Amino acid sequence: MPGTEKSSPLHAMSIDVEDYFHVAALSGVIRPEQWDTLPSRVEQNTERLLALFEKHQVKATFFVLGWVAERFPALIRKLSDHGHEIASHGYSHQLIYSQTQDVFREETLRSKALLEDITGKVVEGYRAASYSITRESLWALDILSEAGFTWDSSIFPVRHDRYGIPGSPSAPYSIETSSGAIIREFPLTTAHVMGLSIPAAGGGYFRQFPYPVFRYLFRNASGFGARPQMFYLHPWEIDPEQPRYNNASWFSRFRHYTNLNKCHDRLERLLEDFRFGTVSESYNAYEPDKTLLRSDQLIRLA
């Protein structure tokens, strides 16, 4: 990996395996009942990411949507067989705080069992659709623990219109749920510039910021090489040929389509500039943090 230093931290490379029509930004113009009628591109895009990771000898964590796993089990098995970590992205890509607890529990158990049947391995990690574990949906952590998950990566310590718990820790920590269970949290990356928390975890932020700006923010968040951070991307973000929905709002189109044609090459630059591994590898490489927060403390932070 040219450009990286062996002593630099092992950051977490994570991919949310979903198709272009699953995203919240397009939910106003694409209904879930339409998904099966639309041309899927998740398989070919994930294969491109797999090839890029193989080239750079990087192992990643793939947070797989149950809907995708059901339709492309061979793809998920291939990711696992190539040594990548498989984690859950839920089943239907709905915002948790818009679901009932019963529906969330059913979908969580369903998707976990599906992934474990495909890979033959225990699935311990989870990431919510659109990072929708917020102060209104911290009850989800109890259900995750009941289902057998030991760690989560859903909490973004920023203020945003769809997600975030402002003021929550930016370094990995543990949460004691309302039922007394303990679950480890690896939050999404934020940089701290002039007193502001700036998202620097990947996704749209990776595409919208010029690459040198994003690289600076990612390094800033890591204490300029002192601690691992979380990066995420979606397979559809390297696919400029995907169908375009011009009936979506201007803001949704900006969020979804900006710089799709540049993202693959930017990702390759990122792999050359930083060291990456799976979420579990990165978490285990982190200097032990004794921070333990109760879920009610997170509610008061928000």
C-alpha atoms as a PDB file:
ATOM      1  CA  MET A   1       0.000   0.000   0.000  1.00  0.00           C
ATOM      2  CA  PRO A   2       2.131   2.884  -1.212  1.00  0.00           C
ATOM      3  CA  GLY A   3       1.813   6.115   0.723  1.00  0.00           C
ATOM      4  CA  THR A   4       0.808   4.500   3.999  1.00  0.00           C
ATOM      5  CA  GLU A   5       2.961   4.082   7.068  1.00  0.00           C
ATOM      6  CA  LYS A   6       3.164   0.741   8.863  1.00  0.00           C
ATOM      7  CA  SER A   7       2.906   2.540  12.192  1.00  0.00           C
ATOM      8  CA  SER A   8      -0.266   4.429  11.230  1.00  0.00           C
ATOM      9  CA  PRO A   9      -3.546   3.344  12.860  1.00  0.00           C
ATOM     10  CA  LEU A  10      -5.640   0.567  11.370  1.00  0.00           C
ATOM     11  CA  HIS A  11      -8.830   2.331  10.347  1.00  0.00           C
ATOM     12  CA  ALA A  12     -12.119   0.492   9.787  1.00  0.00           C
ATOM     13  CA  MET A  13     -13.251   0.031   6.180  1.00  0.00           C
ATOM     14  CA  SER A  14     -16.994  -0.598   6.031  1.00  0.00           C
ATOM     15  CA  ILE A  15     -19.384  -1.059   3.119  1.00  0.00           C
ATOM     16  CA  ASP A  16     -23.165  -0.835   3.485  1.00  0.00           C
ATOM     17  CA  VAL A  17     -24.362  -3.401   0.939  1.00  0.00           C
ATOM     18  CA  GLU A  18     -27.553  -1.969  -0.515  1.00  0.00           C
ATOM     19  CA  ASP A  19     -28.805  -0.991  -3.963  1.00  0.00           C
ATOM     20  CA  TYR A  20     -29.340   2.508  -5.337  1.00  0.00           C
ATOM     21  CA  PHE A  21     -33.120   2.228  -4.892  1.00  0.00           C
ATOM     22  CA  HIS A  22     -32.880   1.444  -1.166  1.00  0.00           C
ATOM     23  CA  VAL A  23     -31.497   4.819  -0.097  1.00  0.00           C
ATOM     24  CA  ALA A  24     -33.448   7.249   2.062  1.00  0.00           C
ATOM     25  CA  ALA A  25     -32.681  10.134  -0.310  1.00  0.00           C
ATOM     26  CA  LEU A  26     -34.833   8.484  -3.001  1.00  0.00           C
ATOM     27  CA  SER A  27     -37.548   7.101  -0.727  1.00  0.00           C
ATOM     28  CA  GLY A  28     -39.904   9.886  -1.779  1.00  0.00           C
ATOM     29  CA  VAL A  29     -39.965   8.648  -5.386  1.00  0.00           C
ATOM     30  CA  ILE A  30     -39.272   4.891  -5.032  1.00  0.00           C
ATOM     31  CA  ARG A  31     -41.550   2.718  -2.884  1.00  0.00           C
ATOM     32  CA  PRO A  32     -40.373  -0.585  -1.347  1.00  0.00           C
ATOM     33  CA  GLU A  33     -43.004  -2.507  -3.316  1.00  0.00           C
ATOM     34  CA  GLN A  34     -41.228  -1.344  -6.499  1.00  0.00           C
ATOM     35  CA  TRP A  35     -37.796  -2.687  -5.543  1.00  0.00           C
ATOM     36  CA  ASP A  36     -38.204  -6.105  -7.139  1.00  0.00           C
ATOM     37  CA  THR A  37     -39.229  -4.523 -10.444  1.00  0.00           C
ATOM     38  CA  LEU A  38     -36.110  -2.330 -10.748  1.00  0.00           C
ATOM     39  CA  PRO A  39     -32.782  -3.328 -12.353  1.00  0.00           C
ATOM     40  CA  SER A  40     -30.419  -4.299  -9.551  1.00  0.00           C
ATOM     41  CA  ARG A  41     -26.806  -3.161  -9.716  1.00  0.00           C
ATOM     42  CA  VAL A  42     -25.625  -4.134  -6.230  1.00  0.00           C
ATOM     43  CA  GLU A  43     -23.918  -7.346  -7.319  1.00  0.00           C
ATOM     44  CA  GLN A  44     -21.701  -5.836 -10.016  1.00  0.00           C
ATOM     45  CA  ASN A  45     -20.839  -2.797  -7.879  1.00  0.00           C
ATOM     46  CA  THR A  46     -19.924  -4.900  -4.852  1.00  0.00           C
ATOM     47  CA  GLU A  47     -17.756  -7.098  -7.090  1.00  0.00           C
ATOM     48  CA  ARG A  48     -15.871  -3.957  -8.179  1.00  0.00           C
ATOM     49  CA  LEU A  49     -15.241  -3.053  -4.566  1.00  0.00           C
ATOM     50  CA  LEU A  50     -14.119  -6.587  -3.827  1.00  0.00           C
ATOM     51  CA  ALA A  51     -11.604  -6.423  -6.694  1.00  0.00           C
ATOM     52  CA  LEU A  52     -10.276  -3.083  -5.427  1.00  0.00           C
ATOM     53  CA  PHE A  53      -9.828  -4.434  -1.910  1.00  0.00           C
ATOM     54  CA  GLU A  54      -8.088  -7.525  -3.253  1.00  0.00           C
ATOM     55  CA  LYS A  55      -5.701  -5.305  -5.225  1.00  0.00           C
ATOM     56  CA  HIS A  56      -4.782  -3.352  -2.099  1.00  0.00           C
ATOM     57  CA  GLN A  57      -4.856  -6.361   0.245  1.00  0.00           C
ATOM     58  CA  VAL A  58      -7.534  -4.821   2.428  1.00  0.00           C
ATOM     59  CA  LYS A  59     -10.136  -6.724   4.424  1.00  0.00           C
ATOM     60  CA  ALA A  60     -13.370  -4.831   5.042  1.00  0.00           C
ATOM     61  CA  THR A  61     -16.603  -5.214   6.959  1.00  0.00           C
ATOM     62  CA  PHE A  62     -19.660  -5.553   4.743  1.00  0.00           C
ATOM     63  CA  PHE A  63     -22.911  -4.516   6.471  1.00  0.00           C
ATOM     64  CA  VAL A  64     -25.356  -6.521   4.382  1.00  0.00           C
ATOM     65  CA  LEU A  65     -29.010  -5.644   3.938  1.00  0.00           C
ATOM     66  CA  GLY A  66     -31.153  -8.743   4.439  1.00  0.00           C
ATOM     67  CA  TRP A  67     -33.157  -7.909   1.313  1.00  0.00           C
ATOM     68  CA  VAL A  68     -29.933  -8.118  -0.715  1.00  0.00           C
ATOM     69  CA  ALA A  69     -28.688 -11.276   1.000  1.00  0.00           C
ATOM     70  CA  GLU A  70     -31.940 -13.045   0.210  1.00  0.00           C
ATOM     71  CA  ARG A  71     -31.562 -12.338  -3.509  1.00  0.00           C
ATOM     72  CA  PHE A  72     -27.767 -12.629  -3.878  1.00  0.00           C
ATOM     73  CA  PRO A  73     -26.602 -15.259  -1.373  1.00  0.00           C
ATOM     74  CA  ALA A  74     -23.661 -16.297  -3.567  1.00  0.00           C
ATOM     75  CA  LEU A  75     -22.301 -12.733  -3.435  1.00  0.00           C
ATOM     76  CA  ILE A  76     -22.437 -12.663   0.372  1.00  0.00           C
ATOM     77  CA  ARG A  77     -20.837 -16.105   0.605  1.00  0.00           C
ATOM     78  CA  LYS A  78     -18.056 -14.929  -1.698  1.00  0.00           C
ATOM     79  CA  LEU A  79     -17.351 -11.882   0.467  1.00  0.00           C
ATOM     80  CA  SER A  80     -17.129 -14.097   3.540  1.00  0.00           C
ATOM     81  CA  ASP A  81     -15.001 -16.722   1.785  1.00  0.00           C
ATOM     82  CA  HIS A  82     -12.537 -13.990   0.756  1.00  0.00           C
ATOM     83  CA  GLY A  83     -11.951 -13.166   4.422  1.00  0.00           C
ATOM     84  CA  HIS A  84     -14.135 -10.097   4.784  1.00  0.00           C
ATOM     85  CA  GLU A  85     -16.260  -9.572   7.882  1.00  0.00           C
ATOM     86  CA  ILE A  86     -20.030  -9.885   7.429  1.00  0.00           C
ATOM     87  CA  ALA A  87     -22.277  -7.745   9.629  1.00  0.00           C
ATOM     88  CA  SER A  88     -25.972  -6.855   9.488  1.00  0.00           C
ATOM     89  CA  HIS A  89     -27.557  -3.762   7.964  1.00  0.00           C
ATOM     90  CA  GLY A  90     -31.035  -4.858   8.992  1.00  0.00           C
ATOM     91  CA  TYR A  91     -33.554  -6.249   6.530  1.00  0.00           C
ATOM     92  CA  SER A  92     -35.688  -3.578   4.849  1.00  0.00           C
ATOM     93  CA  HIS A  93     -33.609  -0.370   5.136  1.00  0.00           C
ATOM     94  CA  GLN A  94     -36.326   1.454   7.036  1.00  0.00           C
ATOM     95  CA  LEU A  95     -35.547   4.131   9.651  1.00  0.00           C
ATOM     96  CA  ILE A  96     -35.621   2.463  13.059  1.00  0.00           C
ATOM     97  CA  TYR A  97     -37.419   5.351  14.737  1.00  0.00           C
ATOM     98  CA  SER A  98     -40.212   4.919  12.176  1.00  0.00           C
ATOM     99  CA  GLN A  99     -40.680   1.237  13.090  1.00  0.00           C
ATOM    100  CA  THR A 100     -42.400  -0.404  16.025  1.00  0.00           C
ATOM    101  CA  GLN A 101     -40.237  -2.413  18.398  1.00  0.00           C
ATOM    102  CA  ASP A 102     -41.961  -5.626  17.309  1.00  0.00           C
ATOM    103  CA  VAL A 103     -41.278  -5.003  13.624  1.00  0.00           C
ATOM    104  CA  PHE A 104     -37.664  -4.069  14.318  1.00  0.00           C
ATOM    105  CA  ARG A 105     -37.162  -7.223  16.427  1.00  0.00           C
ATOM    106  CA  GLU A 106     -38.635  -9.473  13.724  1.00  0.00           C
ATOM    107  CA  GLU A 107     -36.536  -7.906  10.958  1.00  0.00           C
ATOM    108  CA  THR A 108     -33.369  -7.958  13.065  1.00  0.00           C
ATOM    109  CA  LEU A 109     -33.696 -11.661  13.890  1.00  0.00           C
ATOM    110  CA  ARG A 110     -34.642 -12.484  10.304  1.00  0.00           C
ATOM    111  CA  SER A 111     -31.662 -10.743   8.736  1.00  0.00           C
ATOM    112  CA  LYS A 112     -29.172 -12.087  11.287  1.00  0.00           C
ATOM    113  CA  ALA A 113     -30.337 -15.678  10.767  1.00  0.00           C
ATOM    114  CA  LEU A 114     -30.206 -15.224   6.995  1.00  0.00           C
ATOM    115  CA  LEU A 115     -26.603 -14.000   7.023  1.00  0.00           C
ATOM    116  CA  GLU A 116     -25.512 -16.749   9.402  1.00  0.00           C
ATOM    117  CA  ASP A 117     -27.153 -19.410   7.247  1.00  0.00           C
ATOM    118  CA  ILE A 118     -25.371 -18.100   4.138  1.00  0.00           C
ATOM    119  CA  THR A 119     -21.901 -17.716   5.674  1.00  0.00           C
ATOM    120  CA  GLY A 120     -21.930 -20.396   8.359  1.00  0.00           C
ATOM    121  CA  LYS A 121     -20.479 -17.812  10.752  1.00  0.00           C
ATOM    122  CA  VAL A 122     -21.850 -15.925  13.747  1.00  0.00           C
ATOM    123  CA  VAL A 123     -22.793 -12.321  12.915  1.00  0.00           C
ATOM    124  CA  GLU A 124     -21.988 -10.001  15.821  1.00  0.00           C
ATOM    125  CA  GLY A 125     -22.010  -6.502  14.270  1.00  0.00           C
ATOM    126  CA  TYR A 126     -24.881  -4.229  13.248  1.00  0.00           C
ATOM    127  CA  ARG A 127     -25.425  -0.904  11.502  1.00  0.00           C
ATOM    128  CA  ALA A 128     -28.821   0.781  11.257  1.00  0.00           C
ATOM    129  CA  ALA A 129     -30.227   2.088   8.001  1.00  0.00           C
ATOM    130  CA  SER A 130     -29.298   5.784   7.699  1.00  0.00           C
ATOM    131  CA  TYR A 131     -27.655   5.639  11.156  1.00  0.00           C
ATOM    132  CA  SER A 132     -31.146   5.775  12.659  1.00  0.00           C
ATOM    133  CA  ILE A 133     -30.246   4.824  16.227  1.00  0.00           C
ATOM    134  CA  THR A 134     -30.943   8.201  17.794  1.00  0.00           C
ATOM    135  CA  ARG A 135     -32.191   9.301  21.192  1.00  0.00           C
ATOM    136  CA  GLU A 136     -35.721   8.302  20.038  1.00  0.00           C
ATOM    137  CA  SER A 137     -34.643   4.748  19.180  1.00  0.00           C
ATOM    138  CA  LEU A 138     -32.042   3.740  21.778  1.00  0.00           C
ATOM    139  CA  TRP A 139     -34.424   0.903  22.677  1.00  0.00           C
ATOM    140  CA  ALA A 140     -33.027  -0.794  19.557  1.00  0.00           C
ATOM    141  CA  LEU A 141     -29.777  -1.505  21.433  1.00  0.00           C
ATOM    142  CA  ASP A 142     -31.665  -3.757  23.865  1.00  0.00           C
ATOM    143  CA  ILE A 143     -33.115  -5.725  20.972  1.00  0.00           C
ATOM    144  CA  LEU A 144     -29.707  -5.986  19.294  1.00  0.00           C
ATOM    145  CA  SER A 145     -28.244  -7.387  22.497  1.00  0.00           C
ATOM    146  CA  GLU A 146     -31.134  -9.847  22.878  1.00  0.00           C
ATOM    147  CA  ALA A 147     -30.491 -11.015  19.305  1.00  0.00           C
ATOM    148  CA  GLY A 148     -26.828 -11.744  20.070  1.00  0.00           C
ATOM    149  CA  PHE A 149     -25.084  -8.706  18.614  1.00  0.00           C
ATOM    150  CA  THR A 150     -22.043  -7.595  20.616  1.00  0.00           C
ATOM    151  CA  TRP A 151     -21.192  -4.380  18.770  1.00  0.00           C
ATOM    152  CA  ASP A 152     -22.842  -1.626  16.781  1.00  0.00           C
ATOM    153  CA  SER A 153     -21.788   1.167  14.408  1.00  0.00           C
ATOM    154  CA  SER A 154     -24.914   3.278  14.032  1.00  0.00           C
ATOM    155  CA  ILE A 155     -24.396   6.373  16.177  1.00  0.00           C
ATOM    156  CA  PHE A 156     -23.161   9.523  14.464  1.00  0.00           C
ATOM    157  CA  PRO A 157     -22.016  12.205  16.965  1.00  0.00           C
ATOM    158  CA  VAL A 158     -23.346  15.059  14.828  1.00  0.00           C
ATOM    159  CA  ARG A 159     -26.512  17.082  14.286  1.00  0.00           C
ATOM    160  CA  HIS A 160     -28.334  16.055  11.101  1.00  0.00           C
ATOM    161  CA  ASP A 161     -31.878  16.073   9.742  1.00  0.00           C
ATOM    162  CA  ARG A 162     -32.116  12.248   9.725  1.00  0.00           C
ATOM    163  CA  TYR A 163     -29.678  10.969  12.334  1.00  0.00           C
ATOM    164  CA  GLY A 164     -27.144  11.776  15.029  1.00  0.00           C
ATOM    165  CA  ILE A 165     -26.665  12.141  18.775  1.00  0.00           C
ATOM    166  CA  PRO A 166     -24.759  15.412  19.160  1.00  0.00           C
ATOM    167  CA  GLY A 167     -22.252  15.346  21.990  1.00  0.00           C
ATOM    168  CA  SER A 168     -21.905  11.563  22.079  1.00  0.00           C
ATOM    169  CA  PRO A 169     -18.339  10.179  22.140  1.00  0.00           C
ATOM    170  CA  SER A 170     -16.314  10.283  18.937  1.00  0.00           C
ATOM    171  CA  ALA A 171     -14.047   7.398  20.042  1.00  0.00           C
ATOM    172  CA  PRO A 172     -15.166   3.776  20.494  1.00  0.00           C
ATOM    173  CA  TYR A 173     -17.017   3.214  23.755  1.00  0.00           C
ATOM    174  CA  SER A 174     -19.489   0.881  25.425  1.00  0.00           C
ATOM    175  CA  ILE A 175     -23.158   1.424  26.171  1.00  0.00           C
ATOM    176  CA  GLU A 176     -25.128  -0.072  29.032  1.00  0.00           C
ATOM    177  CA  THR A 177     -28.652  -0.501  27.709  1.00  0.00           C
ATOM    178  CA  SER A 178     -31.812   0.029  29.734  1.00  0.00           C
ATOM    179  CA  SER A 179     -31.969  -3.750  30.360  1.00  0.00           C
ATOM    180  CA  GLY A 180     -28.396  -3.805  31.701  1.00  0.00           C
ATOM    181  CA  ALA A 181     -26.767  -5.349  28.631  1.00  0.00           C
ATOM    182  CA  ILE A 182     -23.419  -4.039  27.371  1.00  0.00           C
ATOM    183  CA  ILE A 183     -22.867  -3.339  23.664  1.00  0.00           C
ATOM    184  CA  ARG A 184     -19.734  -1.843  22.115  1.00  0.00           C
ATOM    185  CA  GLU A 185     -20.150   1.193  19.870  1.00  0.00           C
ATOM    186  CA  PHE A 186     -17.777   2.254  17.097  1.00  0.00           C
ATOM    187  CA  PRO A 187     -19.170   5.687  16.134  1.00  0.00           C
ATOM    188  CA  LEU A 188     -18.949   7.333  12.734  1.00  0.00           C
ATOM    189  CA  THR A 189     -15.995   9.657  12.183  1.00  0.00           C
ATOM    190  CA  THR A 190     -16.160  13.356  12.952  1.00  0.00           C
ATOM    191  CA  ALA A 191     -13.385  15.941  12.712  1.00  0.00           C
ATOM    192  CA  HIS A 192     -13.176  18.855  15.128  1.00  0.00           C
ATOM    193  CA  VAL A 193     -12.317  22.138  13.425  1.00  0.00           C
ATOM    194  CA  MET A 194     -12.701  25.555  15.085  1.00  0.00           C
ATOM    195  CA  GLY A 195     -15.086  24.129  17.661  1.00  0.00           C
ATOM    196  CA  LEU A 196     -17.303  22.443  15.070  1.00  0.00           C
ATOM    197  CA  SER A 197     -17.945  18.711  14.615  1.00  0.00           C
ATOM    198  CA  ILE A 198     -17.669  17.990  10.893  1.00  0.00           C
ATOM    199  CA  PRO A 199     -18.751  14.600   9.481  1.00  0.00           C
ATOM    200  CA  ALA A 200     -15.748  12.857   7.934  1.00  0.00           C
ATOM    201  CA  ALA A 201     -16.814   9.225   7.803  1.00  0.00           C
ATOM    202  CA  GLY A 202     -17.308   8.688   4.065  1.00  0.00           C
ATOM    203  CA  GLY A 203     -20.403   8.348   1.914  1.00  0.00           C
ATOM    204  CA  GLY A 204     -21.764  11.639   0.629  1.00  0.00           C
ATOM    205  CA  TYR A 205     -19.190  13.580   2.625  1.00  0.00           C
ATOM    206  CA  PHE A 206     -16.435  11.658   0.820  1.00  0.00           C
ATOM    207  CA  ARG A 207     -17.959  12.463  -2.569  1.00  0.00           C
ATOM    208  CA  GLN A 208     -18.875  16.097  -1.902  1.00  0.00           C
ATOM    209  CA  PHE A 209     -15.677  17.362  -0.266  1.00  0.00           C
ATOM    210  CA  PRO A 210     -12.633  17.706  -2.554  1.00  0.00           C
ATOM    211  CA  TYR A 211     -10.405  14.724  -1.814  1.00  0.00           C
ATOM    212  CA  PRO A 212      -7.580  16.763  -0.155  1.00  0.00           C
ATOM    213  CA  VAL A 213     -10.168  18.329   2.174  1.00  0.00           C
ATOM    214  CA  PHE A 214     -11.629  14.959   3.108  1.00  0.00           C
ATOM    215  CA  ARG A 215      -8.159  13.492   3.660  1.00  0.00           C
ATOM    216  CA  TYR A 216      -7.320  16.397   5.992  1.00  0.00           C
ATOM    217  CA  LEU A 217     -10.578  15.942   7.940  1.00  0.00           C
ATOM    218  CA  PHE A 218     -10.046  12.193   8.266  1.00  0.00           C
ATOM    219  CA  ARG A 219      -6.506  12.761   9.523  1.00  0.00           C
ATOM    220  CA  ASN A 220      -7.738  15.482  11.874  1.00  0.00           C
ATOM    221  CA  ALA A 221     -10.322  13.080  13.323  1.00  0.00           C
ATOM    222  CA  SER A 222      -7.632  10.475  13.938  1.00  0.00           C
ATOM    223  CA  GLY A 223      -5.527  12.948  15.899  1.00  0.00           C
ATOM    224  CA  PHE A 224      -3.227  13.053  12.865  1.00  0.00           C
ATOM    225  CA  GLY A 225      -2.407   9.369  13.149  1.00  0.00           C
ATOM    226  CA  ALA A 226      -3.054   8.658  16.827  1.00  0.00           C
ATOM    227  CA  ARG A 227      -6.249   6.560  16.691  1.00  0.00           C
ATOM    228  CA  PRO A 228      -8.362   4.488  14.273  1.00  0.00           C
ATOM    229  CA  GLN A 229     -11.458   5.899  12.598  1.00  0.00           C
ATOM    230  CA  MET A 230     -14.492   4.552  10.764  1.00  0.00           C
ATOM    231  CA  PHE A 231     -14.944   4.901   6.984  1.00  0.00           C
ATOM    232  CA  TYR A 232     -18.061   3.838   5.088  1.00  0.00           C
ATOM    233  CA  LEU A 233     -19.267   3.700   1.502  1.00  0.00           C
ATOM    234  CA  HIS A 234     -22.092   2.116  -0.496  1.00  0.00           C
ATOM    235  CA  PRO A 235     -21.647   0.047  -3.679  1.00  0.00           C
ATOM    236  CA  TRP A 236     -23.914   2.423  -5.628  1.00  0.00           C
ATOM    237  CA  GLU A 237     -21.522   5.315  -4.894  1.00  0.00           C
ATOM    238  CA  ILE A 238     -18.999   4.025  -7.444  1.00  0.00           C
ATOM    239  CA  ASP A 239     -21.681   3.608 -10.133  1.00  0.00           C
ATOM    240  CA  PRO A 240     -22.277   6.704 -12.312  1.00  0.00           C
ATOM    241  CA  GLU A 241     -24.294   4.582 -14.786  1.00  0.00           C
ATOM    242  CA  GLN A 242     -27.130   3.817 -12.353  1.00  0.00           C
ATOM    243  CA  PRO A 243     -30.657   4.972 -13.285  1.00  0.00           C
ATOM    244  CA  ARG A 244     -31.327   8.610 -12.405  1.00  0.00           C
ATOM    245  CA  TYR A 245     -34.518   9.831 -10.785  1.00  0.00           C
ATOM    246  CA  ASN A 246     -34.930  13.437 -11.824  1.00  0.00           C
ATOM    247  CA  ASN A 247     -38.324  13.615 -10.099  1.00  0.00           C
ATOM    248  CA  ALA A 248     -36.568  13.515  -6.712  1.00  0.00           C
ATOM    249  CA  SER A 249     -36.034  16.827  -4.976  1.00  0.00           C
ATOM    250  CA  TRP A 250     -33.011  18.936  -5.852  1.00  0.00           C
ATOM    251  CA  PHE A 251     -31.490  18.279  -2.428  1.00  0.00           C
ATOM    252  CA  SER A 252     -32.011  14.507  -2.703  1.00  0.00           C
ATOM    253  CA  ARG A 253     -30.426  14.469  -6.156  1.00  0.00           C
ATOM    254  CA  PHE A 254     -27.480  16.477  -4.834  1.00  0.00           C
ATOM    255  CA  ARG A 255     -27.008  14.046  -1.948  1.00  0.00           C
ATOM    256  CA  HIS A 256     -27.246  10.962  -4.121  1.00  0.00           C
ATOM    257  CA  TYR A 257     -25.606  11.777  -7.466  1.00  0.00           C
ATOM    258  CA  THR A 258     -22.764  14.211  -6.692  1.00  0.00           C
ATOM    259  CA  ASN A 259     -19.388  12.941  -7.953  1.00  0.00           C
ATOM    260  CA  LEU A 260     -20.406   9.322  -8.521  1.00  0.00           C
ATOM    261  CA  ASN A 261     -17.987   9.352 -11.458  1.00  0.00           C
ATOM    262  CA  LYS A 262     -15.051  10.268  -9.184  1.00  0.00           C
ATOM    263  CA  CYS A 263     -15.719   8.033  -6.200  1.00  0.00           C
ATOM    264  CA  HIS A 264     -13.961   4.828  -7.314  1.00  0.00           C
ATOM    265  CA  ASP A 265     -10.679   6.613  -8.012  1.00  0.00           C
ATOM    266  CA  ARG A 266     -10.975   8.592  -4.767  1.00  0.00           C
ATOM    267  CA  LEU A 267     -11.452   5.361  -2.856  1.00  0.00           C
ATOM    268  CA  GLU A 268      -8.293   3.963  -4.405  1.00  0.00           C
ATOM    269  CA  ARG A 269      -6.399   7.082  -3.281  1.00  0.00           C
ATOM    270  CA  LEU A 270      -7.778   6.629   0.218  1.00  0.00           C
ATOM    271  CA  LEU A 271      -6.570   3.014   0.298  1.00  0.00           C
ATOM    272  CA  GLU A 272      -3.105   4.276  -0.669  1.00  0.00           C
ATOM    273  CA  ASP A 273      -3.089   7.049   1.960  1.00  0.00           C
ATOM    274  CA  PHE A 274      -4.369   5.112   5.007  1.00  0.00           C
ATOM    275  CA  ARG A 275      -4.272   1.602   6.481  1.00  0.00           C
ATOM    276  CA  PHE A 276      -7.610  -0.225   6.662  1.00  0.00           C
ATOM    277  CA  GLY A 277      -8.990  -3.442   8.094  1.00  0.00           C
ATOM    278  CA  THR A 278     -12.309  -4.806   9.290  1.00  0.00           C
ATOM    279  CA  VAL A 279     -14.317  -3.054  11.979  1.00  0.00           C
ATOM    280  CA  SER A 280     -13.456  -5.759  14.519  1.00  0.00           C
ATOM    281  CA  GLU A 281      -9.748  -5.573  13.685  1.00  0.00           C
ATOM    282  CA  SER A 282      -9.768  -1.798  13.986  1.00  0.00           C
ATOM    283  CA  TYR A 283     -11.726  -1.835  17.244  1.00  0.00           C
ATOM    284  CA  ASN A 284      -9.354  -4.406  18.745  1.00  0.00           C
ATOM    285  CA  ALA A 285      -6.345  -2.316  17.664  1.00  0.00           C
ATOM    286  CA  TYR A 286      -7.735   0.696  19.495  1.00  0.00           C
ATOM    287  CA  GLU A 287      -6.192   1.522  22.846  1.00  0.00           C
ATOM    288  CA  PRO A 288      -8.698   0.273  25.436  1.00  0.00           C
ATOM    289  CA  ASP A 289     -11.176   3.004  26.301  1.00  0.00           C
ATOM    290  CA  LYS A 290     -12.887   2.756  29.672  1.00  0.00           C
ATOM    291  CA  THR A 291     -15.807   4.957  28.622  1.00  0.00           C
ATOM    292  CA  LEU A 292     -19.104   3.319  29.561  1.00  0.00           C
ATOM    293  CA  LEU A 293     -22.295   5.298  29.080  1.00  0.00           C
ATOM    294  CA  ARG A 294     -25.809   4.327  30.076  1.00  0.00           C
ATOM    295  CA  SER A 295     -28.447   4.790  27.398  1.00  0.00           C
ATOM    296  CA  ASP A 296     -30.200   7.416  29.533  1.00  0.00           C
ATOM    297  CA  GLN A 297     -26.979   9.449  29.545  1.00  0.00           C
ATOM    298  CA  LEU A 298     -27.006   9.419  25.720  1.00  0.00           C
ATOM    299  CA  ILE A 299     -30.565  10.708  25.787  1.00  0.00           C
ATOM    300  CA  ARG A 300     -29.502  13.652  27.936  1.00  0.00           C
ATOM    301  CA  LEU A 301     -26.576  14.384  25.590  1.00  0.00           C
ATOM    302  CA  ALA A 302     -28.804  14.708  22.545  1.00  0.00           C
END
